[in-house]
Amino acid sequence: NDVGRLKVTNEEWDAYRFKVPSLRNVALTAPYFHDGSSTSLEAAIRDMAYMQLDKKLTDEDVAALKAFLMSLSDKKRMAVK
């Protein structure tokens, strides 16, 4: 039901386009997606691989991608968690 930026711009070009934040501190900002439907980083990684690439990732792939995303997080903020 969410038509994305179309609601804001009224430009047909923006239908089903969503403005997304950068990946910095993404590991610290659950829940994920524009509607908060994914509560864990691992689930979000799996969902994105499937939705965007039609790929089912192995546990090792998910762990590697999670490690990369964790490396983009502010170490001071991570210590607070």
PDB file of N, CA and C in Angstrom:
ATOM      1  N   ASN A   1       0.800  -1.199   0.000  1.00  0.00           N
ATOM      2  CA  ASN A   1       0.000   0.000   0.000  1.00  0.00           C
ATOM      3  C   ASN A   1       0.843   1.264   0.000  1.00  0.00           C
ATOM      4  N   ASP A   2       2.109   1.155   0.394  1.00  0.00           N
ATOM      5  CA  ASP A   2       2.996   2.317   0.451  1.00  0.00           C
ATOM      6  C   ASP A   2       3.558   2.574  -0.945  1.00  0.00           C
ATOM      7  N   VAL A   3       3.261   3.732  -1.513  1.00  0.00           N
ATOM      8  CA  VAL A   3       3.727   4.059  -2.862  1.00  0.00           C
ATOM      9  C   VAL A   3       5.024   4.853  -2.854  1.00  0.00           C
ATOM     10  N   GLY A   4       5.659   4.966  -1.698  1.00  0.00           N
ATOM     11  CA  GLY A   4       6.971   5.599  -1.619  1.00  0.00           C
ATOM     12  C   GLY A   4       6.930   7.107  -1.766  1.00  0.00           C
ATOM     13  N   ARG A   5       7.948   7.648  -2.463  1.00  0.00           N
ATOM     14  CA  ARG A   5       8.116   9.099  -2.595  1.00  0.00           C
ATOM     15  C   ARG A   5       6.989   9.768  -3.389  1.00  0.00           C
ATOM     16  N   LEU A   6       6.211   8.985  -4.116  1.00  0.00           N
ATOM     17  CA  LEU A   6       5.094   9.538  -4.881  1.00  0.00           C
ATOM     18  C   LEU A   6       4.184  10.385  -3.993  1.00  0.00           C
ATOM     19  N   LYS A   7       3.974   9.935  -2.750  1.00  0.00           N
ATOM     20  CA  LYS A   7       3.133  10.694  -1.814  1.00  0.00           C
ATOM     21  C   LYS A   7       3.696  12.087  -1.538  1.00  0.00           C
ATOM     22  N   VAL A   8       5.021  12.211  -1.580  1.00  0.00           N
ATOM     23  CA  VAL A   8       5.681  13.472  -1.256  1.00  0.00           C
ATOM     24  C   VAL A   8       5.801  14.373  -2.477  1.00  0.00           C
ATOM     25  N   THR A   9       6.230  13.792  -3.606  1.00  0.00           N
ATOM     26  CA  THR A   9       6.543  14.605  -4.784  1.00  0.00           C
ATOM     27  C   THR A   9       5.406  14.707  -5.800  1.00  0.00           C
ATOM     28  N   ASN A  10       4.473  13.771  -5.751  1.00  0.00           N
ATOM     29  CA  ASN A  10       3.399  13.678  -6.754  1.00  0.00           C
ATOM     30  C   ASN A  10       3.935  13.487  -8.169  1.00  0.00           C
ATOM     31  N   GLU A  11       5.151  12.998  -8.277  1.00  0.00           N
ATOM     32  CA  GLU A  11       5.764  12.681  -9.574  1.00  0.00           C
ATOM     33  C   GLU A  11       5.655  11.180  -9.809  1.00  0.00           C
ATOM     34  N   GLU A  12       5.052  10.784 -10.913  1.00  0.00           N
ATOM     35  CA  GLU A  12       4.883   9.361 -11.217  1.00  0.00           C
ATOM     36  C   GLU A  12       6.215   8.612 -11.180  1.00  0.00           C
ATOM     37  N   TRP A  13       7.298   9.298 -11.546  1.00  0.00           N
ATOM     38  CA  TRP A  13       8.643   8.717 -11.530  1.00  0.00           C
ATOM     39  C   TRP A  13       8.996   8.181 -10.141  1.00  0.00           C
ATOM     40  N   ASP A  14       8.465   8.783  -9.092  1.00  0.00           N
ATOM     41  CA  ASP A  14       8.807   8.426  -7.722  1.00  0.00           C
ATOM     42  C   ASP A  14       7.935   7.314  -7.128  1.00  0.00           C
ATOM     43  N   ALA A  15       7.033   6.751  -7.925  1.00  0.00           N
ATOM     44  CA  ALA A  15       6.197   5.659  -7.426  1.00  0.00           C
ATOM     45  C   ALA A  15       7.085   4.474  -7.037  1.00  0.00           C
ATOM     46  N   TYR A  16       6.898   3.991  -5.824  1.00  0.00           N
ATOM     47  CA  TYR A  16       7.619   2.841  -5.268  1.00  0.00           C
ATOM     48  C   TYR A  16       9.122   3.064  -5.145  1.00  0.00           C
ATOM     49  N   ARG A  17       9.516   4.308  -5.037  1.00  0.00           N
ATOM     50  CA  ARG A  17      10.901   4.658  -4.724  1.00  0.00           C
ATOM     51  C   ARG A  17      10.910   5.163  -3.287  1.00  0.00           C
ATOM     52  N   PHE A  18      11.944   4.764  -2.562  1.00  0.00           N
ATOM     53  CA  PHE A  18      12.027   5.125  -1.155  1.00  0.00           C
ATOM     54  C   PHE A  18      13.360   5.787  -0.882  1.00  0.00           C
ATOM     55  N   LYS A  19      13.330   6.851  -0.105  1.00  0.00           N
ATOM     56  CA  LYS A  19      14.555   7.515   0.315  1.00  0.00           C
ATOM     57  C   LYS A  19      15.130   6.697   1.464  1.00  0.00           C
ATOM     58  N   VAL A  20      16.388   6.314   1.344  1.00  0.00           N
ATOM     59  CA  VAL A  20      16.989   5.464   2.375  1.00  0.00           C
ATOM     60  C   VAL A  20      18.206   6.150   2.984  1.00  0.00           C
ATOM     61  N   PRO A  21      18.454   5.894   4.249  1.00  0.00           N
ATOM     62  CA  PRO A  21      19.612   6.485   4.912  1.00  0.00           C
ATOM     63  C   PRO A  21      20.895   5.770   4.502  1.00  0.00           C
ATOM     64  N   SER A  22      22.023   6.328   4.894  1.00  0.00           N
ATOM     65  CA  SER A  22      23.311   5.687   4.615  1.00  0.00           C
ATOM     66  C   SER A  22      23.446   4.430   5.461  1.00  0.00           C
ATOM     67  N   LEU A  23      24.469   3.655   5.211  1.00  0.00           N
ATOM     68  CA  LEU A  23      24.693   2.432   5.969  1.00  0.00           C
ATOM     69  C   LEU A  23      25.459   2.663   7.274  1.00  0.00           C
ATOM     70  N   ARG A  24      25.947   3.865   7.502  1.00  0.00           N
ATOM     71  CA  ARG A  24      26.680   4.129   8.739  1.00  0.00           C
ATOM     72  C   ARG A  24      25.773   3.854   9.935  1.00  0.00           C
ATOM     73  N   ASN A  25      26.268   3.087  10.885  1.00  0.00           N
ATOM     74  CA  ASN A  25      25.559   2.700  12.106  1.00  0.00           C
ATOM     75  C   ASN A  25      24.299   1.869  11.849  1.00  0.00           C
ATOM     76  N   VAL A  26      24.205   1.258  10.681  1.00  0.00           N
ATOM     77  CA  VAL A  26      23.018   0.452  10.364  1.00  0.00           C
ATOM     78  C   VAL A  26      22.855  -0.704  11.348  1.00  0.00           C
ATOM     79  N   ALA A  27      23.947  -1.233  11.856  1.00  0.00           N
ATOM     80  CA  ALA A  27      23.861  -2.348  12.797  1.00  0.00           C
ATOM     81  C   ALA A  27      23.233  -1.933  14.122  1.00  0.00           C
ATOM     82  N   LEU A  28      23.143  -0.644  14.358  1.00  0.00           N
ATOM     83  CA  LEU A  28      22.621  -0.144  15.626  1.00  0.00           C
ATOM     84  C   LEU A  28      21.214   0.434  15.503  1.00  0.00           C
ATOM     85  N   THR A  29      20.587   0.281  14.346  1.00  0.00           N
ATOM     86  CA  THR A  29      19.347   1.020  14.100  1.00  0.00           C
ATOM     87  C   THR A  29      18.134   0.142  13.799  1.00  0.00           C
ATOM     88  N   ALA A  30      18.063  -1.041  14.381  1.00  0.00           N
ATOM     89  CA  ALA A  30      16.888  -1.893  14.178  1.00  0.00           C
ATOM     90  C   ALA A  30      15.652  -1.182  14.728  1.00  0.00           C
ATOM     91  N   PRO A  31      14.487  -1.429  14.213  1.00  0.00           N
ATOM     92  CA  PRO A  31      14.132  -2.358  13.152  1.00  0.00           C
ATOM     93  C   PRO A  31      14.478  -1.800  11.770  1.00  0.00           C
ATOM     94  N   TYR A  32      14.450  -2.673  10.790  1.00  0.00           N
ATOM     95  CA  TYR A  32      14.897  -2.329   9.445  1.00  0.00           C
ATOM     96  C   TYR A  32      13.742  -2.228   8.449  1.00  0.00           C
ATOM     97  N   PHE A  33      14.032  -1.591   7.339  1.00  0.00           N
ATOM     98  CA  PHE A  33      13.126  -1.310   6.229  1.00  0.00           C
ATOM     99  C   PHE A  33      12.219  -0.140   6.564  1.00  0.00           C
ATOM    100  N   HIS A  34      11.606   0.397   5.556  1.00  0.00           N
ATOM    101  CA  HIS A  34      10.804   1.608   5.720  1.00  0.00           C
ATOM    102  C   HIS A  34       9.620   1.399   6.653  1.00  0.00           C
ATOM    103  N   ASP A  35       9.215   0.144   6.819  1.00  0.00           N
ATOM    104  CA  ASP A  35       8.061  -0.130   7.672  1.00  0.00           C
ATOM    105  C   ASP A  35       8.421  -0.850   8.971  1.00  0.00           C
ATOM    106  N   GLY A  36       9.729  -1.030   9.213  1.00  0.00           N
ATOM    107  CA  GLY A  36      10.175  -1.681  10.440  1.00  0.00           C
ATOM    108  C   GLY A  36       9.839  -3.157  10.516  1.00  0.00           C
ATOM    109  N   SER A  37       9.638  -3.794   9.370  1.00  0.00           N
ATOM    110  CA  SER A  37       9.177  -5.185   9.353  1.00  0.00           C
ATOM    111  C   SER A  37      10.243  -6.216   9.676  1.00  0.00           C
ATOM    112  N   SER A  38      11.501  -5.841   9.685  1.00  0.00           N
ATOM    113  CA  SER A  38      12.567  -6.784  10.008  1.00  0.00           C
ATOM    114  C   SER A  38      13.262  -6.331  11.288  1.00  0.00           C
ATOM    115  N   THR A  39      13.236  -7.194  12.294  1.00  0.00           N
ATOM    116  CA  THR A  39      13.758  -6.793  13.599  1.00  0.00           C
ATOM    117  C   THR A  39      15.223  -7.129  13.818  1.00  0.00           C
ATOM    118  N   SER A  40      15.810  -7.972  12.973  1.00  0.00           N
ATOM    119  CA  SER A  40      17.228  -8.314  13.138  1.00  0.00           C
ATOM    120  C   SER A  40      18.007  -8.005  11.867  1.00  0.00           C
ATOM    121  N   LEU A  41      19.280  -7.697  12.055  1.00  0.00           N
ATOM    122  CA  LEU A  41      20.145  -7.400  10.916  1.00  0.00           C
ATOM    123  C   LEU A  41      20.284  -8.622  10.014  1.00  0.00           C
ATOM    124  N   GLU A  42      20.407  -9.794  10.614  1.00  0.00           N
ATOM    125  CA  GLU A  42      20.538 -11.022   9.819  1.00  0.00           C
ATOM    126  C   GLU A  42      19.312 -11.235   8.934  1.00  0.00           C
ATOM    127  N   ALA A  43      18.135 -11.040   9.484  1.00  0.00           N
ATOM    128  CA  ALA A  43      16.900 -11.209   8.697  1.00  0.00           C
ATOM    129  C   ALA A  43      16.833 -10.175   7.581  1.00  0.00           C
ATOM    130  N   ALA A  44      17.238  -8.947   7.873  1.00  0.00           N
ATOM    131  CA  ALA A  44      17.227  -7.902   6.851  1.00  0.00           C
ATOM    132  C   ALA A  44      18.192  -8.244   5.713  1.00  0.00           C
ATOM    133  N   ILE A  45      19.350  -8.756   6.059  1.00  0.00           N
ATOM    134  CA  ILE A  45      20.334  -9.148   5.025  1.00  0.00           C
ATOM    135  C   ILE A  45      19.746 -10.243   4.150  1.00  0.00           C
ATOM    136  N   ARG A  46      19.164 -11.253   4.768  1.00  0.00           N
ATOM    137  CA  ARG A  46      18.562 -12.360   3.991  1.00  0.00           C
ATOM    138  C   ARG A  46      17.417 -11.854   3.104  1.00  0.00           C
ATOM    139  N   ASP A  47      16.561 -11.010   3.669  1.00  0.00           N
ATOM    140  CA  ASP A  47      15.425 -10.489   2.898  1.00  0.00           C
ATOM    141  C   ASP A  47      15.884  -9.667   1.703  1.00  0.00           C
ATOM    142  N   MET A  48      16.871  -8.809   1.912  1.00  0.00           N
ATOM    143  CA  MET A  48      17.358  -7.965   0.811  1.00  0.00           C
ATOM    144  C   MET A  48      18.001  -8.803  -0.297  1.00  0.00           C
ATOM    145  N   ALA A  49      18.765  -9.817   0.080  1.00  0.00           N
ATOM    146  CA  ALA A  49      19.381 -10.685  -0.932  1.00  0.00           C
ATOM    147  C   ALA A  49      18.311 -11.379  -1.762  1.00  0.00           C
ATOM    148  N   TYR A  50      17.274 -11.824  -1.093  1.00  0.00           N
ATOM    149  CA  TYR A  50      16.210 -12.515  -1.818  1.00  0.00           C
ATOM    150  C   TYR A  50      15.388 -11.552  -2.676  1.00  0.00           C
ATOM    151  N   MET A  51      14.999 -10.420  -2.092  1.00  0.00           N
ATOM    152  CA  MET A  51      14.132  -9.482  -2.821  1.00  0.00           C
ATOM    153  C   MET A  51      14.851  -8.797  -3.981  1.00  0.00           C
ATOM    154  N   GLN A  52      16.108  -8.410  -3.772  1.00  0.00           N
ATOM    155  CA  GLN A  52      16.800  -7.642  -4.804  1.00  0.00           C
ATOM    156  C   GLN A  52      17.607  -8.502  -5.767  1.00  0.00           C
ATOM    157  N   LEU A  53      18.103  -9.653  -5.296  1.00  0.00           N
ATOM    158  CA  LEU A  53      18.985 -10.472  -6.120  1.00  0.00           C
ATOM    159  C   LEU A  53      18.447 -11.863  -6.416  1.00  0.00           C
ATOM    160  N   ASP A  54      17.298 -12.195  -5.826  1.00  0.00           N
ATOM    161  CA  ASP A  54      16.725 -13.528  -5.960  1.00  0.00           C
ATOM    162  C   ASP A  54      17.718 -14.604  -5.512  1.00  0.00           C
ATOM    163  N   LYS A  55      18.443 -14.300  -4.408  1.00  0.00           N
ATOM    164  CA  LYS A  55      19.462 -15.215  -3.870  1.00  0.00           C
ATOM    165  C   LYS A  55      19.109 -15.606  -2.448  1.00  0.00           C
ATOM    166  N   LYS A  56      19.342 -16.858  -2.128  1.00  0.00           N
ATOM    167  CA  LYS A  56      19.239 -17.324  -0.744  1.00  0.00           C
ATOM    168  C   LYS A  56      20.667 -17.474  -0.236  1.00  0.00           C
ATOM    169  N   LEU A  57      21.018 -16.701   0.780  1.00  0.00           N
ATOM    170  CA  LEU A  57      22.383 -16.677   1.282  1.00  0.00           C
ATOM    171  C   LEU A  57      22.635 -17.792   2.287  1.00  0.00           C
ATOM    172  N   THR A  58      23.880 -18.251   2.319  1.00  0.00           N
ATOM    173  CA  THR A  58      24.290 -19.214   3.342  1.00  0.00           C
ATOM    174  C   THR A  58      24.499 -18.463   4.658  1.00  0.00           C
ATOM    175  N   ASP A  59      24.564 -19.207   5.744  1.00  0.00           N
ATOM    176  CA  ASP A  59      24.844 -18.589   7.045  1.00  0.00           C
ATOM    177  C   ASP A  59      26.189 -17.867   7.025  1.00  0.00           C
ATOM    178  N   GLU A  60      27.158 -18.425   6.311  1.00  0.00           N
ATOM    179  CA  GLU A  60      28.486 -17.807   6.207  1.00  0.00           C
ATOM    180  C   GLU A  60      28.415 -16.481   5.460  1.00  0.00           C
ATOM    181  N   ASP A  61      27.632 -16.441   4.387  1.00  0.00           N
ATOM    182  CA  ASP A  61      27.458 -15.191   3.630  1.00  0.00           C
ATOM    183  C   ASP A  61      26.820 -14.113   4.498  1.00  0.00           C
ATOM    184  N   VAL A  62      25.796 -14.502   5.233  1.00  0.00           N
ATOM    185  CA  VAL A  62      25.109 -13.554   6.112  1.00  0.00           C
ATOM    186  C   VAL A  62      26.076 -13.030   7.172  1.00  0.00           C
ATOM    187  N   ALA A  63      26.867 -13.919   7.753  1.00  0.00           N
ATOM    188  CA  ALA A  63      27.834 -13.513   8.784  1.00  0.00           C
ATOM    189  C   ALA A  63      28.869 -12.547   8.212  1.00  0.00           C
ATOM    190  N   ALA A  64      29.330 -12.795   7.000  1.00  0.00           N
ATOM    191  CA  ALA A  64      30.321 -11.911   6.375  1.00  0.00           C
ATOM    192  C   ALA A  64      29.722 -10.531   6.085  1.00  0.00           C
ATOM    193  N   LEU A  65      28.510 -10.499   5.564  1.00  0.00           N
ATOM    194  CA  LEU A  65      27.859  -9.220   5.298  1.00  0.00           C
ATOM    195  C   LEU A  65      27.561  -8.466   6.593  1.00  0.00           C
ATOM    196  N   LYS A  66      27.151  -9.201   7.609  1.00  0.00           N
ATOM    197  CA  LYS A  66      26.902  -8.563   8.908  1.00  0.00           C
ATOM    198  C   LYS A  66      28.195  -7.970   9.468  1.00  0.00           C
ATOM    199  N   ALA A  67      29.299  -8.706   9.354  1.00  0.00           N
ATOM    200  CA  ALA A  67      30.590  -8.197   9.841  1.00  0.00           C
ATOM    201  C   ALA A  67      30.968  -6.917   9.107  1.00  0.00           C
ATOM    202  N   PHE A  68      30.743  -6.880   7.797  1.00  0.00           N
ATOM    203  CA  PHE A  68      31.021  -5.664   7.039  1.00  0.00           C
ATOM    204  C   PHE A  68      30.166  -4.505   7.541  1.00  0.00           C
ATOM    205  N   LEU A  69      28.876  -4.739   7.695  1.00  0.00           N
ATOM    206  CA  LEU A  69      27.981  -3.679   8.149  1.00  0.00           C
ATOM    207  C   LEU A  69      28.332  -3.229   9.570  1.00  0.00           C
ATOM    208  N   MET A  70      28.756  -4.161  10.408  1.00  0.00           N
ATOM    209  CA  MET A  70      29.189  -3.800  11.763  1.00  0.00           C
ATOM    210  C   MET A  70      30.430  -2.909  11.712  1.00  0.00           C
ATOM    211  N   SER A  71      31.274  -3.118  10.706  1.00  0.00           N
ATOM    212  CA  SER A  71      32.491  -2.306  10.594  1.00  0.00           C
ATOM    213  C   SER A  71      32.178  -0.844  10.260  1.00  0.00           C
ATOM    214  N   LEU A  72      30.963  -0.571   9.822  1.00  0.00           N
ATOM    215  CA  LEU A  72      30.547   0.795   9.499  1.00  0.00           C
ATOM    216  C   LEU A  72      29.953   1.515  10.705  1.00  0.00           C
ATOM    217  N   SER A  73      29.936   0.831  11.841  1.00  0.00           N
ATOM    218  CA  SER A  73      29.325   1.392  13.040  1.00  0.00           C
ATOM    219  C   SER A  73      30.335   2.123  13.905  1.00  0.00           C
ATOM    220  N   ASP A  74      29.857   3.167  14.539  1.00  0.00           N
ATOM    221  CA  ASP A  74      30.653   3.964  15.465  1.00  0.00           C
ATOM    222  C   ASP A  74      30.998   3.109  16.684  1.00  0.00           C
ATOM    223  N   LYS A  75      32.273   2.882  16.912  1.00  0.00           N
ATOM    224  CA  LYS A  75      32.720   2.019  18.010  1.00  0.00           C
ATOM    225  C   LYS A  75      32.238   2.523  19.372  1.00  0.00           C
ATOM    226  N   LYS A  76      32.156   3.829  19.561  1.00  0.00           N
ATOM    227  CA  LYS A  76      31.688   4.380  20.837  1.00  0.00           C
ATOM    228  C   LYS A  76      30.225   4.050  21.065  1.00  0.00           C
ATOM    229  N   ARG A  77      29.421   4.140  20.042  1.00  0.00           N
ATOM    230  CA  ARG A  77      28.001   3.805  20.170  1.00  0.00           C
ATOM    231  C   ARG A  77      27.799   2.322  20.383  1.00  0.00           C
ATOM    232  N   MET A  78      28.661   1.493  19.770  1.00  0.00           N
ATOM    233  CA  MET A  78      28.541   0.044  19.931  1.00  0.00           C
ATOM    234  C   MET A  78      28.824  -0.355  21.373  1.00  0.00           C
ATOM    235  N   ALA A  79      29.750   0.344  22.037  1.00  0.00           N
ATOM    236  CA  ALA A  79      30.113   0.025  23.411  1.00  0.00           C
ATOM    237  C   ALA A  79      28.963   0.296  24.371  1.00  0.00           C
ATOM    238  N   VAL A  80      28.089   1.209  24.005  1.00  0.00           N
ATOM    239  CA  VAL A  80      26.941   1.561  24.849  1.00  0.00           C
ATOM    240  C   VAL A  80      25.915   0.461  24.837  1.00  0.00           C
ATOM    241  N   LYS A  81      25.765  -0.231  23.745  1.00  0.00           N
ATOM    242  CA  LYS A  81      24.749  -1.282  23.592  1.00  0.00           C
ATOM    243  C   LYS A  81      25.019  -2.453  24.486  1.00  0.00           C
TER     244      LYS A  81
END
